[in-house]
Amino acid sequence: AQSGISGIIPASLLSVPLILFSLRYRLPQFDFSVPEWLKRVLITVCLLPTAVVVLYILFLSFASDSSILPSLTIPTLSNYSRVLSDGLLSNIFNTIGVSFWAFVMVLLAGIPFSYLLATKRTPFVNGIAAVILFGSLYTGMHTLLPMYFVFERLGITDSLFGVGMVVCIQSLPLTILLLGSFFSSIPKELREVSLIEGLSETGYFLRIVIPLSLPVIGGLLTYVVVSSFNSFSMPLILLNSQELMPFSLKIYGYVGEVRSFYTSWNLFGAASIIGIIPLLLFFKSSLKLIYSSNLRDQGIEYD
């Protein structure tokens, strides 16, 4: 029992009641604006370590030896061809498959429940929301084995769908907090006018609420995709087939045990650079959805 309770962060026991309280009552808004020069300094400080890491990985990808501190006396592109011939693209597509299943489940479960939580605050709905939020606190390595046994009974242990379900479960608390808060901020008069004009409750949700919330949904999609690329423990436990190995496990295979004979830092660098490309392309395209200029782009027009 003590090992199970230790998986809960003590400070989070206070944060969840505060989150539930903020969903029920509107808290005052505070002005946290900072001077422009301070913003630039903070952005530079945050981006500098990231730039150093990316440049170092790029440095590794062109190295001809597998040392962690290689020399670039003879830069080579053979590392990229080696990882591509090793099936890296199929591993990236496996991770995209995990992202697809996770986001589909978030769309089918998280978004409707967030709307229900924002519009009908019954004790039953509040109880389910509390279970989801409190369940997100109980995480850690000690939960992996019980989850594996449950997934094994369901027959989804060796499938991308099972890993996507885990990513979806991890994303549900954020989905409820973001979308529930956004749905609560939509004026009730808009719903009343829509119902008077002849729209059903489902029509109002699909034709008005969903287009309005597309920027928030785009942000959740970005979070799900990044979580799928970063997921490591659950794919390692749930997946047994080499054909289903995601990108995170593949690049780990190039490193293996540090300082062992099988460690190939140059291949790790090349695979990491290739794996960054889909994320950059996706992030660039998702910005159009997240930072939409106006509602007319989403197909909403006003008389």
C-alpha atoms as a PDB file:
ATOM      1  CA  ALA A   1       0.000   0.000   0.000  1.00  0.00           C
ATOM      2  CA  GLN A   2       2.815   2.379   0.866  1.00  0.00           C
ATOM      3  CA  SER A   3       4.512   1.830  -2.498  1.00  0.00           C
ATOM      4  CA  GLY A   4       1.248   2.645  -4.257  1.00  0.00           C
ATOM      5  CA  ILE A   5       0.583   5.827  -2.303  1.00  0.00           C
ATOM      6  CA  SER A   6       4.146   6.978  -2.974  1.00  0.00           C
ATOM      7  CA  GLY A   7       3.241   7.330  -6.646  1.00  0.00           C
ATOM      8  CA  ILE A   8       1.031  10.328  -5.816  1.00  0.00           C
ATOM      9  CA  ILE A   9       2.780  13.687  -5.596  1.00  0.00           C
ATOM     10  CA  PRO A  10       1.656  15.316  -2.286  1.00  0.00           C
ATOM     11  CA  ALA A  11       1.367  18.802  -3.823  1.00  0.00           C
ATOM     12  CA  SER A  12      -1.025  17.475  -6.461  1.00  0.00           C
ATOM     13  CA  LEU A  13      -3.562  16.575  -3.759  1.00  0.00           C
ATOM     14  CA  LEU A  14      -4.064  20.313  -3.345  1.00  0.00           C
ATOM     15  CA  SER A  15      -3.948  21.165  -7.049  1.00  0.00           C
ATOM     16  CA  VAL A  16      -6.883  18.948  -8.096  1.00  0.00           C
ATOM     17  CA  PRO A  17      -9.419  20.521  -5.670  1.00  0.00           C
ATOM     18  CA  LEU A  18      -8.274  23.937  -6.869  1.00  0.00           C
ATOM     19  CA  ILE A  19      -8.795  22.865 -10.489  1.00  0.00           C
ATOM     20  CA  LEU A  20     -12.279  21.567  -9.703  1.00  0.00           C
ATOM     21  CA  PHE A  21     -13.026  24.800  -7.846  1.00  0.00           C
ATOM     22  CA  SER A  22     -11.899  26.854 -10.873  1.00  0.00           C
ATOM     23  CA  LEU A  23     -14.226  24.838 -13.118  1.00  0.00           C
ATOM     24  CA  ARG A  24     -17.176  25.647 -10.865  1.00  0.00           C
ATOM     25  CA  TYR A  25     -16.472  29.322 -10.190  1.00  0.00           C
ATOM     26  CA  ARG A  26     -14.940  32.068 -12.275  1.00  0.00           C
ATOM     27  CA  LEU A  27     -11.679  33.196 -10.714  1.00  0.00           C
ATOM     28  CA  PRO A  28     -10.451  36.792 -11.095  1.00  0.00           C
ATOM     29  CA  GLN A  29      -8.046  37.425 -13.947  1.00  0.00           C
ATOM     30  CA  PHE A  30      -4.633  38.810 -13.100  1.00  0.00           C
ATOM     31  CA  ASP A  31      -2.371  40.838 -15.341  1.00  0.00           C
ATOM     32  CA  PHE A  32       0.944  39.025 -15.681  1.00  0.00           C
ATOM     33  CA  SER A  33       2.236  41.114 -18.575  1.00  0.00           C
ATOM     34  CA  VAL A  34       5.985  41.780 -18.614  1.00  0.00           C
ATOM     35  CA  PRO A  35       8.057  44.371 -20.514  1.00  0.00           C
ATOM     36  CA  GLU A  36       8.977  43.582 -24.096  1.00  0.00           C
ATOM     37  CA  TRP A  37      12.715  43.468 -23.390  1.00  0.00           C
ATOM     38  CA  LEU A  38      12.173  40.959 -20.602  1.00  0.00           C
ATOM     39  CA  LYS A  39      10.136  38.757 -22.967  1.00  0.00           C
ATOM     40  CA  ARG A  40      13.003  38.718 -25.452  1.00  0.00           C
ATOM     41  CA  VAL A  41      15.498  37.839 -22.725  1.00  0.00           C
ATOM     42  CA  LEU A  42      13.319  34.992 -21.437  1.00  0.00           C
ATOM     43  CA  ILE A  43      12.762  33.628 -24.954  1.00  0.00           C
ATOM     44  CA  THR A  44      16.506  33.714 -25.620  1.00  0.00           C
ATOM     45  CA  VAL A  45      17.284  31.958 -22.344  1.00  0.00           C
ATOM     46  CA  CYS A  46      14.712  29.245 -23.087  1.00  0.00           C
ATOM     47  CA  LEU A  47      15.772  28.719 -26.705  1.00  0.00           C
ATOM     48  CA  LEU A  48      19.513  28.676 -26.110  1.00  0.00           C
ATOM     49  CA  PRO A  49      19.695  25.213 -24.450  1.00  0.00           C
ATOM     50  CA  THR A  50      17.393  23.776 -27.126  1.00  0.00           C
ATOM     51  CA  ALA A  51      19.577  25.210 -29.906  1.00  0.00           C
ATOM     52  CA  VAL A  52      22.707  23.754 -28.304  1.00  0.00           C
ATOM     53  CA  VAL A  53      21.139  20.272 -28.057  1.00  0.00           C
ATOM     54  CA  VAL A  54      19.860  20.347 -31.661  1.00  0.00           C
ATOM     55  CA  LEU A  55      23.257  21.487 -32.985  1.00  0.00           C
ATOM     56  CA  TYR A  56      24.994  18.752 -31.002  1.00  0.00           C
ATOM     57  CA  ILE A  57      22.664  16.065 -32.385  1.00  0.00           C
ATOM     58  CA  LEU A  58      23.209  17.458 -35.894  1.00  0.00           C
ATOM     59  CA  PHE A  59      26.937  17.272 -35.205  1.00  0.00           C
ATOM     60  CA  LEU A  60      26.567  13.608 -34.235  1.00  0.00           C
ATOM     61  CA  SER A  61      24.562  12.752 -37.357  1.00  0.00           C
ATOM     62  CA  PHE A  62      27.455  13.670 -39.687  1.00  0.00           C
ATOM     63  CA  ALA A  63      30.144  11.900 -37.646  1.00  0.00           C
ATOM     64  CA  SER A  64      31.936   8.908 -39.115  1.00  0.00           C
ATOM     65  CA  ASP A  65      32.605   7.296 -35.712  1.00  0.00           C
ATOM     66  CA  SER A  66      30.158   6.306 -32.985  1.00  0.00           C
ATOM     67  CA  SER A  67      31.795   8.184 -30.120  1.00  0.00           C
ATOM     68  CA  ILE A  68      29.734  10.517 -27.977  1.00  0.00           C
ATOM     69  CA  LEU A  69      32.292  13.260 -28.715  1.00  0.00           C
ATOM     70  CA  PRO A  70      33.185  12.531 -32.346  1.00  0.00           C
ATOM     71  CA  SER A  71      35.399  14.508 -34.665  1.00  0.00           C
ATOM     72  CA  LEU A  72      34.135  15.943 -37.930  1.00  0.00           C
ATOM     73  CA  THR A  73      37.348  15.617 -39.861  1.00  0.00           C
ATOM     74  CA  ILE A  74      35.491  13.459 -42.410  1.00  0.00           C
ATOM     75  CA  PRO A  75      31.749  14.307 -42.298  1.00  0.00           C
ATOM     76  CA  THR A  76      29.523  11.728 -43.925  1.00  0.00           C
ATOM     77  CA  LEU A  77      25.901  11.281 -45.001  1.00  0.00           C
ATOM     78  CA  SER A  78      26.045   7.506 -44.759  1.00  0.00           C
ATOM     79  CA  ASN A  79      24.421   7.566 -41.304  1.00  0.00           C
ATOM     80  CA  TYR A  80      21.157   8.795 -42.827  1.00  0.00           C
ATOM     81  CA  SER A  81      21.119   6.088 -45.489  1.00  0.00           C
ATOM     82  CA  ARG A  82      21.871   3.425 -42.878  1.00  0.00           C
ATOM     83  CA  VAL A  83      18.982   4.376 -40.583  1.00  0.00           C
ATOM     84  CA  LEU A  84      16.583   4.720 -43.535  1.00  0.00           C
ATOM     85  CA  SER A  85      17.541   1.287 -44.825  1.00  0.00           C
ATOM     86  CA  ASP A  86      17.036  -0.034 -41.300  1.00  0.00           C
ATOM     87  CA  GLY A  87      13.305   0.728 -41.495  1.00  0.00           C
ATOM     88  CA  LEU A  88      13.204   4.022 -39.611  1.00  0.00           C
ATOM     89  CA  LEU A  89      10.378   5.381 -41.776  1.00  0.00           C
ATOM     90  CA  SER A  90       8.110   2.485 -40.819  1.00  0.00           C
ATOM     91  CA  ASN A  91       8.804   3.233 -37.149  1.00  0.00           C
ATOM     92  CA  ILE A  92       7.848   6.866 -37.692  1.00  0.00           C
ATOM     93  CA  PHE A  93       4.619   5.763 -39.395  1.00  0.00           C
ATOM     94  CA  ASN A  94       3.916   3.497 -36.408  1.00  0.00           C
ATOM     95  CA  THR A  95       4.178   6.519 -34.118  1.00  0.00           C
ATOM     96  CA  ILE A  96       1.874   8.475 -36.425  1.00  0.00           C
ATOM     97  CA  GLY A  97      -0.564   5.546 -36.155  1.00  0.00           C
ATOM     98  CA  VAL A  98      -0.436   5.805 -32.364  1.00  0.00           C
ATOM     99  CA  SER A  99      -1.137   9.535 -32.648  1.00  0.00           C
ATOM    100  CA  PHE A 100      -4.071   8.849 -34.960  1.00  0.00           C
ATOM    101  CA  TRP A 101      -5.767   6.371 -32.627  1.00  0.00           C
ATOM    102  CA  ALA A 102      -5.115   8.542 -29.581  1.00  0.00           C
ATOM    103  CA  PHE A 103      -6.600  11.644 -31.192  1.00  0.00           C
ATOM    104  CA  VAL A 104      -9.619   9.753 -32.550  1.00  0.00           C
ATOM    105  CA  MET A 105     -10.390   8.542 -29.034  1.00  0.00           C
ATOM    106  CA  VAL A 106      -9.924  12.063 -27.652  1.00  0.00           C
ATOM    107  CA  LEU A 107     -12.377  13.357 -30.276  1.00  0.00           C
ATOM    108  CA  LEU A 108     -14.956  10.661 -29.568  1.00  0.00           C
ATOM    109  CA  ALA A 109     -14.676  10.663 -25.768  1.00  0.00           C
ATOM    110  CA  GLY A 110     -12.954  13.783 -24.450  1.00  0.00           C
ATOM    111  CA  ILE A 111     -14.667  16.495 -26.502  1.00  0.00           C
ATOM    112  CA  PRO A 112     -18.302  15.347 -25.942  1.00  0.00           C
ATOM    113  CA  PHE A 113     -17.655  14.804 -22.240  1.00  0.00           C
ATOM    114  CA  SER A 114     -16.060  18.260 -21.917  1.00  0.00           C
ATOM    115  CA  TYR A 115     -19.146  19.796 -23.493  1.00  0.00           C
ATOM    116  CA  LEU A 116     -21.388  17.796 -21.175  1.00  0.00           C
ATOM    117  CA  LEU A 117     -19.335  18.941 -18.188  1.00  0.00           C
ATOM    118  CA  ALA A 118     -19.644  22.580 -19.253  1.00  0.00           C
ATOM    119  CA  THR A 119     -23.406  22.508 -19.888  1.00  0.00           C
ATOM    120  CA  LYS A 120     -24.865  19.941 -17.473  1.00  0.00           C
ATOM    121  CA  ARG A 121     -23.134  19.966 -14.104  1.00  0.00           C
ATOM    122  CA  THR A 122     -24.965  17.011 -12.591  1.00  0.00           C
ATOM    123  CA  PRO A 123     -23.427  15.087  -9.673  1.00  0.00           C
ATOM    124  CA  PHE A 124     -22.868  12.092 -11.960  1.00  0.00           C
ATOM    125  CA  VAL A 125     -20.924  14.151 -14.527  1.00  0.00           C
ATOM    126  CA  ASN A 126     -18.934  15.906 -11.804  1.00  0.00           C
ATOM    127  CA  GLY A 127     -18.099  12.540 -10.264  1.00  0.00           C
ATOM    128  CA  ILE A 128     -16.728  11.199 -13.564  1.00  0.00           C
ATOM    129  CA  ALA A 129     -14.644  14.368 -14.039  1.00  0.00           C
ATOM    130  CA  ALA A 130     -13.245  14.017 -10.530  1.00  0.00           C
ATOM    131  CA  VAL A 131     -12.312  10.376 -11.174  1.00  0.00           C
ATOM    132  CA  ILE A 132     -10.492  11.328 -14.377  1.00  0.00           C
ATOM    133  CA  LEU A 133      -8.605  14.184 -12.722  1.00  0.00           C
ATOM    134  CA  PHE A 134      -7.683  12.236  -9.586  1.00  0.00           C
ATOM    135  CA  GLY A 135      -6.762   9.200 -11.694  1.00  0.00           C
ATOM    136  CA  SER A 136      -4.199  11.288 -13.551  1.00  0.00           C
ATOM    137  CA  LEU A 137      -2.331  11.758 -10.260  1.00  0.00           C
ATOM    138  CA  TYR A 138      -1.738   8.053  -9.810  1.00  0.00           C
ATOM    139  CA  THR A 139       0.951   7.501 -12.406  1.00  0.00           C
ATOM    140  CA  GLY A 140       4.380   5.933 -12.424  1.00  0.00           C
ATOM    141  CA  MET A 141       6.206   2.726 -13.186  1.00  0.00           C
ATOM    142  CA  HIS A 142       4.173   0.807 -10.598  1.00  0.00           C
ATOM    143  CA  THR A 143       1.000   1.281 -12.706  1.00  0.00           C
ATOM    144  CA  LEU A 144       2.454  -0.275 -15.873  1.00  0.00           C
ATOM    145  CA  LEU A 145       2.146  -3.916 -14.828  1.00  0.00           C
ATOM    146  CA  PRO A 146      -1.529  -3.745 -13.728  1.00  0.00           C
ATOM    147  CA  MET A 147      -2.351  -1.865 -16.942  1.00  0.00           C
ATOM    148  CA  TYR A 148      -0.587  -4.551 -18.970  1.00  0.00           C
ATOM    149  CA  PHE A 149      -2.710  -7.285 -17.347  1.00  0.00           C
ATOM    150  CA  VAL A 150      -5.903  -5.321 -18.097  1.00  0.00           C
ATOM    151  CA  PHE A 151      -4.891  -4.745 -21.707  1.00  0.00           C
ATOM    152  CA  GLU A 152      -3.923  -8.405 -22.056  1.00  0.00           C
ATOM    153  CA  ARG A 153      -7.429  -9.454 -20.999  1.00  0.00           C
ATOM    154  CA  LEU A 154      -8.834  -7.042 -23.588  1.00  0.00           C
ATOM    155  CA  GLY A 155      -6.562  -8.440 -26.290  1.00  0.00           C
ATOM    156  CA  ILE A 156      -4.924  -5.114 -27.217  1.00  0.00           C
ATOM    157  CA  THR A 157      -1.430  -5.598 -25.819  1.00  0.00           C
ATOM    158  CA  ASP A 158       0.390  -5.953 -29.147  1.00  0.00           C
ATOM    159  CA  SER A 159      -1.335  -3.228 -31.150  1.00  0.00           C
ATOM    160  CA  LEU A 160      -0.935   0.456 -31.938  1.00  0.00           C
ATOM    161  CA  PHE A 161      -4.528   0.923 -30.792  1.00  0.00           C
ATOM    162  CA  GLY A 162      -3.575  -0.118 -27.242  1.00  0.00           C
ATOM    163  CA  VAL A 163      -0.673   2.332 -27.064  1.00  0.00           C
ATOM    164  CA  GLY A 164      -2.931   5.043 -28.514  1.00  0.00           C
ATOM    165  CA  MET A 165      -5.454   4.337 -25.766  1.00  0.00           C
ATOM    166  CA  VAL A 166      -2.781   4.968 -23.131  1.00  0.00           C
ATOM    167  CA  VAL A 167      -1.827   8.274 -24.775  1.00  0.00           C
ATOM    168  CA  CYS A 168      -5.531   9.178 -24.876  1.00  0.00           C
ATOM    169  CA  ILE A 169      -5.943   8.392 -21.171  1.00  0.00           C
ATOM    170  CA  GLN A 170      -2.954  10.580 -20.371  1.00  0.00           C
ATOM    171  CA  SER A 171      -4.397  13.408 -22.480  1.00  0.00           C
ATOM    172  CA  LEU A 172      -7.944  13.317 -21.075  1.00  0.00           C
ATOM    173  CA  PRO A 173      -7.310  15.527 -17.993  1.00  0.00           C
ATOM    174  CA  LEU A 174      -5.817  18.286 -20.157  1.00  0.00           C
ATOM    175  CA  THR A 175      -8.653  17.878 -22.668  1.00  0.00           C
ATOM    176  CA  ILE A 176     -11.301  18.287 -19.978  1.00  0.00           C
ATOM    177  CA  LEU A 177      -9.592  21.301 -18.418  1.00  0.00           C
ATOM    178  CA  LEU A 178      -9.005  23.182 -21.674  1.00  0.00           C
ATOM    179  CA  LEU A 179     -12.195  22.363 -23.554  1.00  0.00           C
ATOM    180  CA  GLY A 180     -14.413  22.421 -20.455  1.00  0.00           C
ATOM    181  CA  SER A 181     -13.193  25.917 -19.631  1.00  0.00           C
ATOM    182  CA  PHE A 182     -13.603  27.050 -23.241  1.00  0.00           C
ATOM    183  CA  PHE A 183     -17.118  25.620 -23.608  1.00  0.00           C
ATOM    184  CA  SER A 184     -18.113  27.340 -20.367  1.00  0.00           C
ATOM    185  CA  SER A 185     -16.970  30.689 -21.775  1.00  0.00           C
ATOM    186  CA  ILE A 186     -19.270  30.485 -24.823  1.00  0.00           C
ATOM    187  CA  PRO A 187     -22.252  32.822 -24.222  1.00  0.00           C
ATOM    188  CA  LYS A 188     -25.445  30.958 -23.411  1.00  0.00           C
ATOM    189  CA  GLU A 189     -27.348  33.377 -25.630  1.00  0.00           C
ATOM    190  CA  LEU A 190     -25.634  31.860 -28.671  1.00  0.00           C
ATOM    191  CA  ARG A 191     -27.096  28.473 -27.827  1.00  0.00           C
ATOM    192  CA  GLU A 192     -30.548  29.920 -27.216  1.00  0.00           C
ATOM    193  CA  VAL A 193     -30.529  31.775 -30.536  1.00  0.00           C
ATOM    194  CA  SER A 194     -29.368  28.631 -32.349  1.00  0.00           C
ATOM    195  CA  LEU A 195     -32.179  26.569 -30.856  1.00  0.00           C
ATOM    196  CA  ILE A 196     -34.722  29.248 -31.732  1.00  0.00           C
ATOM    197  CA  GLU A 197     -33.444  29.273 -35.321  1.00  0.00           C
ATOM    198  CA  GLY A 198     -34.194  25.568 -35.584  1.00  0.00           C
ATOM    199  CA  LEU A 199     -30.889  23.898 -34.760  1.00  0.00           C
ATOM    200  CA  SER A 200     -31.018  20.825 -32.573  1.00  0.00           C
ATOM    201  CA  GLU A 201     -28.681  20.350 -29.643  1.00  0.00           C
ATOM    202  CA  THR A 202     -26.492  18.096 -31.782  1.00  0.00           C
ATOM    203  CA  GLY A 203     -26.575  20.572 -34.664  1.00  0.00           C
ATOM    204  CA  TYR A 204     -25.570  23.414 -32.358  1.00  0.00           C
ATOM    205  CA  PHE A 205     -22.669  21.348 -31.031  1.00  0.00           C
ATOM    206  CA  LEU A 206     -21.407  20.273 -34.463  1.00  0.00           C
ATOM    207  CA  ARG A 207     -22.030  23.479 -36.444  1.00  0.00           C
ATOM    208  CA  ILE A 208     -21.337  26.162 -33.828  1.00  0.00           C
ATOM    209  CA  VAL A 209     -19.363  24.831 -30.860  1.00  0.00           C
ATOM    210  CA  ILE A 210     -16.900  22.624 -32.727  1.00  0.00           C
ATOM    211  CA  PRO A 211     -15.862  25.301 -35.284  1.00  0.00           C
ATOM    212  CA  LEU A 212     -15.436  27.813 -32.460  1.00  0.00           C
ATOM    213  CA  SER A 213     -13.200  25.400 -30.544  1.00  0.00           C
ATOM    214  CA  LEU A 214     -10.973  24.380 -33.477  1.00  0.00           C
ATOM    215  CA  PRO A 215      -7.961  26.387 -32.182  1.00  0.00           C
ATOM    216  CA  VAL A 216      -8.185  24.598 -28.819  1.00  0.00           C
ATOM    217  CA  ILE A 217      -8.633  21.240 -30.557  1.00  0.00           C
ATOM    218  CA  GLY A 218      -5.582  22.018 -32.701  1.00  0.00           C
ATOM    219  CA  GLY A 219      -3.546  22.624 -29.565  1.00  0.00           C
ATOM    220  CA  LEU A 220      -4.725  19.306 -28.131  1.00  0.00           C
ATOM    221  CA  LEU A 221      -3.787  17.570 -31.385  1.00  0.00           C
ATOM    222  CA  THR A 222      -0.267  18.990 -31.090  1.00  0.00           C
ATOM    223  CA  TYR A 223      -0.054  17.756 -27.502  1.00  0.00           C
ATOM    224  CA  VAL A 224      -1.217  14.263 -28.504  1.00  0.00           C
ATOM    225  CA  VAL A 225       1.286  14.006 -31.362  1.00  0.00           C
ATOM    226  CA  VAL A 226       4.209  15.143 -29.200  1.00  0.00           C
ATOM    227  CA  SER A 227       3.137  12.758 -26.415  1.00  0.00           C
ATOM    228  CA  SER A 228       3.031   9.885 -28.917  1.00  0.00           C
ATOM    229  CA  PHE A 229       6.563  10.640 -30.111  1.00  0.00           C
ATOM    230  CA  ASN A 230       7.795  10.892 -26.499  1.00  0.00           C
ATOM    231  CA  SER A 231       5.988   7.786 -25.251  1.00  0.00           C
ATOM    232  CA  PHE A 232       8.499   5.115 -24.253  1.00  0.00           C
ATOM    233  CA  SER A 233       7.507   3.001 -21.241  1.00  0.00           C
ATOM    234  CA  MET A 234       4.098   1.851 -22.457  1.00  0.00           C
ATOM    235  CA  PRO A 235       5.207   0.850 -25.997  1.00  0.00           C
ATOM    236  CA  LEU A 236       8.138  -0.988 -24.453  1.00  0.00           C
ATOM    237  CA  ILE A 237       5.775  -3.075 -22.315  1.00  0.00           C
ATOM    238  CA  LEU A 238       2.725  -3.426 -24.574  1.00  0.00           C
ATOM    239  CA  LEU A 239       4.365  -4.076 -27.950  1.00  0.00           C
ATOM    240  CA  ASN A 240       6.081  -7.363 -28.746  1.00  0.00           C
ATOM    241  CA  SER A 241       6.337  -7.261 -32.554  1.00  0.00           C
ATOM    242  CA  GLN A 242       9.300  -5.605 -34.209  1.00  0.00           C
ATOM    243  CA  GLU A 243       6.995  -4.443 -37.017  1.00  0.00           C
ATOM    244  CA  LEU A 244       5.032  -2.288 -34.543  1.00  0.00           C
ATOM    245  CA  MET A 245       8.062  -0.675 -32.889  1.00  0.00           C
ATOM    246  CA  PRO A 246       7.541   3.122 -32.646  1.00  0.00           C
ATOM    247  CA  PHE A 247      10.136   5.795 -33.246  1.00  0.00           C
ATOM    248  CA  SER A 248      11.045   6.248 -29.564  1.00  0.00           C
ATOM    249  CA  LEU A 249      12.034   2.595 -29.150  1.00  0.00           C
ATOM    250  CA  LYS A 250      13.898   2.549 -32.452  1.00  0.00           C
ATOM    251  CA  ILE A 251      16.259   5.386 -31.609  1.00  0.00           C
ATOM    252  CA  TYR A 252      16.811   3.871 -28.165  1.00  0.00           C
ATOM    253  CA  GLY A 253      18.012   0.727 -29.919  1.00  0.00           C
ATOM    254  CA  TYR A 254      20.867   2.683 -31.494  1.00  0.00           C
ATOM    255  CA  VAL A 255      22.136   3.708 -28.071  1.00  0.00           C
ATOM    256  CA  GLY A 256      21.321   0.616 -26.019  1.00  0.00           C
ATOM    257  CA  GLU A 257      23.591   0.398 -23.033  1.00  0.00           C
ATOM    258  CA  VAL A 258      25.844   3.444 -22.875  1.00  0.00           C
ATOM    259  CA  ARG A 259      29.531   2.689 -23.554  1.00  0.00           C
ATOM    260  CA  SER A 260      28.709  -0.771 -24.836  1.00  0.00           C
ATOM    261  CA  PHE A 261      29.837  -2.287 -28.125  1.00  0.00           C
ATOM    262  CA  TYR A 262      26.406  -1.724 -29.684  1.00  0.00           C
ATOM    263  CA  THR A 263      26.218   2.014 -28.970  1.00  0.00           C
ATOM    264  CA  SER A 264      26.053   4.080 -32.191  1.00  0.00           C
ATOM    265  CA  TRP A 265      25.713   7.746 -31.350  1.00  0.00           C
ATOM    266  CA  ASN A 266      26.125   8.779 -34.988  1.00  0.00           C
ATOM    267  CA  LEU A 267      23.129   6.642 -36.014  1.00  0.00           C
ATOM    268  CA  PHE A 268      21.210   7.973 -33.037  1.00  0.00           C
ATOM    269  CA  GLY A 269      21.881  11.521 -34.219  1.00  0.00           C
ATOM    270  CA  ALA A 270      20.832  10.799 -37.802  1.00  0.00           C
ATOM    271  CA  ALA A 271      17.635   9.052 -36.683  1.00  0.00           C
ATOM    272  CA  SER A 272      16.800  11.906 -34.312  1.00  0.00           C
ATOM    273  CA  ILE A 273      17.191  14.519 -37.062  1.00  0.00           C
ATOM    274  CA  ILE A 274      14.935  12.523 -39.396  1.00  0.00           C
ATOM    275  CA  GLY A 275      12.372  12.086 -36.622  1.00  0.00           C
ATOM    276  CA  ILE A 276      12.280  15.825 -35.946  1.00  0.00           C
ATOM    277  CA  ILE A 277      11.241  16.606 -39.535  1.00  0.00           C
ATOM    278  CA  PRO A 278       7.631  15.231 -39.263  1.00  0.00           C
ATOM    279  CA  LEU A 279       7.130  17.114 -36.002  1.00  0.00           C
ATOM    280  CA  LEU A 280       8.338  20.375 -37.529  1.00  0.00           C
ATOM    281  CA  LEU A 281       6.105  19.946 -40.578  1.00  0.00           C
ATOM    282  CA  PHE A 282       3.119  19.095 -38.399  1.00  0.00           C
ATOM    283  CA  PHE A 283       3.757  21.977 -36.020  1.00  0.00           C
ATOM    284  CA  LYS A 284       4.036  24.456 -38.884  1.00  0.00           C
ATOM    285  CA  SER A 285       0.762  23.286 -40.407  1.00  0.00           C
ATOM    286  CA  SER A 286      -1.033  23.210 -37.042  1.00  0.00           C
ATOM    287  CA  LEU A 287      -0.215  26.868 -36.380  1.00  0.00           C
ATOM    288  CA  LYS A 288      -2.800  27.853 -38.988  1.00  0.00           C
ATOM    289  CA  LEU A 289      -5.414  26.049 -36.933  1.00  0.00           C
ATOM    290  CA  ILE A 290      -4.244  27.137 -33.498  1.00  0.00           C
ATOM    291  CA  TYR A 291      -3.755  30.798 -34.368  1.00  0.00           C
ATOM    292  CA  SER A 292      -6.705  31.260 -36.707  1.00  0.00           C
ATOM    293  CA  SER A 293      -7.042  34.933 -37.676  1.00  0.00           C
ATOM    294  CA  ASN A 294     -10.843  35.044 -37.499  1.00  0.00           C
ATOM    295  CA  LEU A 295     -13.890  32.832 -37.272  1.00  0.00           C
ATOM    296  CA  ARG A 296     -14.727  33.311 -40.939  1.00  0.00           C
ATOM    297  CA  ASP A 297     -11.808  30.991 -41.772  1.00  0.00           C
ATOM    298  CA  GLN A 298     -13.645  28.275 -39.852  1.00  0.00           C
ATOM    299  CA  GLY A 299     -16.802  28.663 -41.914  1.00  0.00           C
ATOM    300  CA  ILE A 300     -18.747  30.809 -39.421  1.00  0.00           C
ATOM    301  CA  GLU A 301     -20.460  33.902 -40.757  1.00  0.00           C
ATOM    302  CA  TYR A 302     -22.596  36.479 -39.023  1.00  0.00           C
ATOM    303  CA  ASP A 303     -25.315  38.616 -40.552  1.00  0.00           C
END
